[in-house]
Amino acid sequence: MPIYEYSCQECGMRFELLRSFQDSDAGILCPECESARIERVLSAFSTGGCGGGAGAGRFT
């Protein structure tokens, strides 16, 4: 399940929730002020890249 980041339009709190893709936009309440005015935030993500494998650091 992906982690989604949300922002409360009332109090400004940003928080994350682990939700299924199907529930990503389902109604939620702010954990701080309990407002329903929540907006999903576009989050940056990283991909694993450990390097060090065969040929790492070599240019041909």
N, C-alpha and C. Protein backbone atom coordinates (compact mmCIF):
# COMPACT_ATOMS: atom_id res chain seq x y z
N MET A 1 0.83 -1.19 0.00
CA MET A 1 0.00 0.00 0.00
C MET A 1 0.88 1.25 0.00
N PRO A 2 0.52 2.22 -0.80
CA PRO A 2 1.31 3.46 -0.84
C PRO A 2 0.99 4.38 0.33
N ILE A 3 1.93 5.25 0.62
CA ILE A 3 1.74 6.29 1.63
C ILE A 3 1.38 7.57 0.89
N TYR A 4 0.28 8.18 1.27
CA TYR A 4 -0.16 9.43 0.67
C TYR A 4 0.03 10.57 1.65
N GLU A 5 0.39 11.73 1.14
CA GLU A 5 0.57 12.93 1.97
C GLU A 5 -0.61 13.86 1.74
N TYR A 6 -1.12 14.42 2.84
CA TYR A 6 -2.29 15.29 2.79
C TYR A 6 -1.99 16.59 3.53
N SER A 7 -2.76 17.62 3.19
CA SER A 7 -2.65 18.92 3.85
C SER A 7 -4.05 19.39 4.23
N CYS A 8 -4.20 19.85 5.46
CA CYS A 8 -5.48 20.36 5.94
C CYS A 8 -5.61 21.82 5.51
N GLN A 9 -6.72 22.15 4.87
CA GLN A 9 -6.96 23.51 4.40
C GLN A 9 -7.42 24.44 5.53
N GLU A 10 -7.76 23.89 6.68
CA GLU A 10 -8.19 24.70 7.83
C GLU A 10 -6.99 25.11 8.70
N CYS A 11 -6.23 24.12 9.17
CA CYS A 11 -5.16 24.42 10.13
C CYS A 11 -3.75 24.34 9.52
N GLY A 12 -3.65 23.81 8.28
CA GLY A 12 -2.35 23.75 7.61
C GLY A 12 -1.51 22.54 7.95
N MET A 13 -2.02 21.65 8.79
CA MET A 13 -1.24 20.47 9.17
C MET A 13 -1.02 19.57 7.95
N ARG A 14 0.20 19.05 7.81
CA ARG A 14 0.51 18.06 6.78
C ARG A 14 0.70 16.73 7.47
N PHE A 15 0.12 15.68 6.88
CA PHE A 15 0.23 14.35 7.48
C PHE A 15 0.21 13.30 6.40
N GLU A 16 0.64 12.10 6.76
CA GLU A 16 0.71 10.98 5.83
C GLU A 16 -0.21 9.87 6.29
N LEU A 17 -0.78 9.15 5.32
CA LEU A 17 -1.61 7.99 5.63
C LEU A 17 -1.25 6.85 4.69
N LEU A 18 -1.22 5.66 5.22
CA LEU A 18 -1.00 4.45 4.44
C LEU A 18 -2.38 3.99 3.98
N ARG A 19 -2.65 4.11 2.67
CA ARG A 19 -3.98 3.80 2.15
C ARG A 19 -3.86 3.04 0.84
N SER A 20 -4.88 2.26 0.55
CA SER A 20 -4.90 1.57 -0.74
C SER A 20 -5.12 2.59 -1.84
N PHE A 21 -4.76 2.25 -3.05
CA PHE A 21 -4.93 3.14 -4.19
C PHE A 21 -6.40 3.52 -4.35
N GLN A 22 -7.29 2.57 -4.13
CA GLN A 22 -8.73 2.81 -4.28
C GLN A 22 -9.24 3.83 -3.27
N ASP A 23 -8.62 3.91 -2.09
CA ASP A 23 -9.07 4.81 -1.03
C ASP A 23 -8.29 6.11 -0.97
N SER A 24 -7.38 6.34 -1.92
CA SER A 24 -6.48 7.49 -1.83
C SER A 24 -7.22 8.83 -1.74
N ASP A 25 -8.38 8.94 -2.37
CA ASP A 25 -9.13 10.20 -2.33
C ASP A 25 -10.43 10.09 -1.53
N ALA A 26 -10.62 9.00 -0.82
CA ALA A 26 -11.81 8.84 0.01
C ALA A 26 -11.76 9.85 1.16
N GLY A 27 -12.92 10.23 1.65
CA GLY A 27 -12.99 11.24 2.70
C GLY A 27 -12.21 10.88 3.97
N ILE A 28 -11.48 11.86 4.48
CA ILE A 28 -10.73 11.70 5.72
C ILE A 28 -10.86 12.99 6.52
N LEU A 29 -10.50 12.91 7.79
CA LEU A 29 -10.51 14.08 8.66
C LEU A 29 -9.10 14.39 9.12
N CYS A 30 -8.84 15.66 9.32
CA CYS A 30 -7.54 16.10 9.82
C CYS A 30 -7.35 15.56 11.24
N PRO A 31 -6.21 14.95 11.53
CA PRO A 31 -5.97 14.43 12.88
C PRO A 31 -5.80 15.53 13.92
N GLU A 32 -5.56 16.77 13.49
CA GLU A 32 -5.35 17.88 14.41
C GLU A 32 -6.66 18.61 14.73
N CYS A 33 -7.38 19.07 13.70
CA CYS A 33 -8.57 19.89 13.93
C CYS A 33 -9.87 19.20 13.51
N GLU A 34 -9.76 18.00 12.95
CA GLU A 34 -10.90 17.19 12.50
C GLU A 34 -11.70 17.81 11.36
N SER A 35 -11.09 18.72 10.61
CA SER A 35 -11.73 19.30 9.44
C SER A 35 -11.76 18.28 8.31
N ALA A 36 -12.78 18.37 7.48
CA ALA A 36 -12.87 17.50 6.30
C ALA A 36 -12.29 18.19 5.06
N ARG A 37 -11.77 19.40 5.22
CA ARG A 37 -11.19 20.14 4.09
C ARG A 37 -9.73 19.70 3.90
N ILE A 38 -9.56 18.53 3.34
CA ILE A 38 -8.24 17.91 3.17
C ILE A 38 -7.92 17.84 1.68
N GLU A 39 -6.67 18.11 1.37
CA GLU A 39 -6.21 18.05 -0.01
C GLU A 39 -5.00 17.13 -0.08
N ARG A 40 -4.98 16.25 -1.07
CA ARG A 40 -3.82 15.38 -1.24
C ARG A 40 -2.69 16.20 -1.85
N VAL A 41 -1.48 16.02 -1.32
CA VAL A 41 -0.30 16.77 -1.75
C VAL A 41 0.53 15.88 -2.67
N LEU A 42 1.06 16.48 -3.72
CA LEU A 42 1.97 15.75 -4.60
C LEU A 42 3.29 15.57 -3.87
N SER A 43 3.65 14.34 -3.60
CA SER A 43 4.85 14.04 -2.84
C SER A 43 5.97 13.60 -3.75
N ALA A 44 7.17 13.94 -3.37
CA ALA A 44 8.35 13.44 -4.06
C ALA A 44 8.63 12.03 -3.55
N PHE A 45 9.22 11.22 -4.37
CA PHE A 45 9.58 9.88 -3.93
C PHE A 45 10.96 9.54 -4.45
N SER A 46 11.55 8.54 -3.86
CA SER A 46 12.87 8.11 -4.32
C SER A 46 12.78 6.64 -4.71
N THR A 47 13.73 6.24 -5.52
CA THR A 47 13.82 4.84 -5.88
C THR A 47 15.12 4.29 -5.33
N GLY A 48 15.10 3.04 -4.99
CA GLY A 48 16.30 2.41 -4.46
C GLY A 48 17.36 2.28 -5.53
N GLY A 49 18.53 2.65 -5.20
CA GLY A 49 19.66 2.52 -6.11
C GLY A 49 20.90 2.36 -5.26
N CYS A 50 21.22 1.14 -4.95
CA CYS A 50 22.32 0.92 -4.02
C CYS A 50 23.68 1.02 -4.70
N GLY A 51 23.71 0.88 -6.02
CA GLY A 51 25.01 0.94 -6.70
C GLY A 51 25.93 -0.18 -6.25
N GLY A 52 27.15 -0.11 -6.64
CA GLY A 52 28.13 -1.09 -6.19
C GLY A 52 28.03 -2.42 -6.91
N GLY A 53 27.10 -2.57 -7.85
CA GLY A 53 26.94 -3.83 -8.58
C GLY A 53 28.02 -3.97 -9.64
N ALA A 54 27.89 -4.99 -10.42
CA ALA A 54 28.86 -5.25 -11.49
C ALA A 54 28.95 -4.04 -12.42
N GLY A 55 30.13 -3.55 -12.61
CA GLY A 55 30.35 -2.44 -13.51
C GLY A 55 30.11 -1.07 -12.90
N ALA A 56 29.80 -1.02 -11.63
CA ALA A 56 29.51 0.28 -10.99
C ALA A 56 30.77 1.14 -10.98
N GLY A 57 30.63 2.35 -11.36
CA GLY A 57 31.75 3.28 -11.32
C GLY A 57 32.68 3.19 -12.51
N ARG A 58 32.40 2.30 -13.44
CA ARG A 58 33.26 2.18 -14.61
C ARG A 58 32.59 2.79 -15.81
N PHE A 59 33.33 3.50 -16.58
CA PHE A 59 32.82 4.06 -17.82
C PHE A 59 33.50 3.35 -18.98
N THR A 60 32.74 2.94 -19.94
CA THR A 60 33.33 2.25 -21.10
C THR A 60 33.15 3.05 -22.35
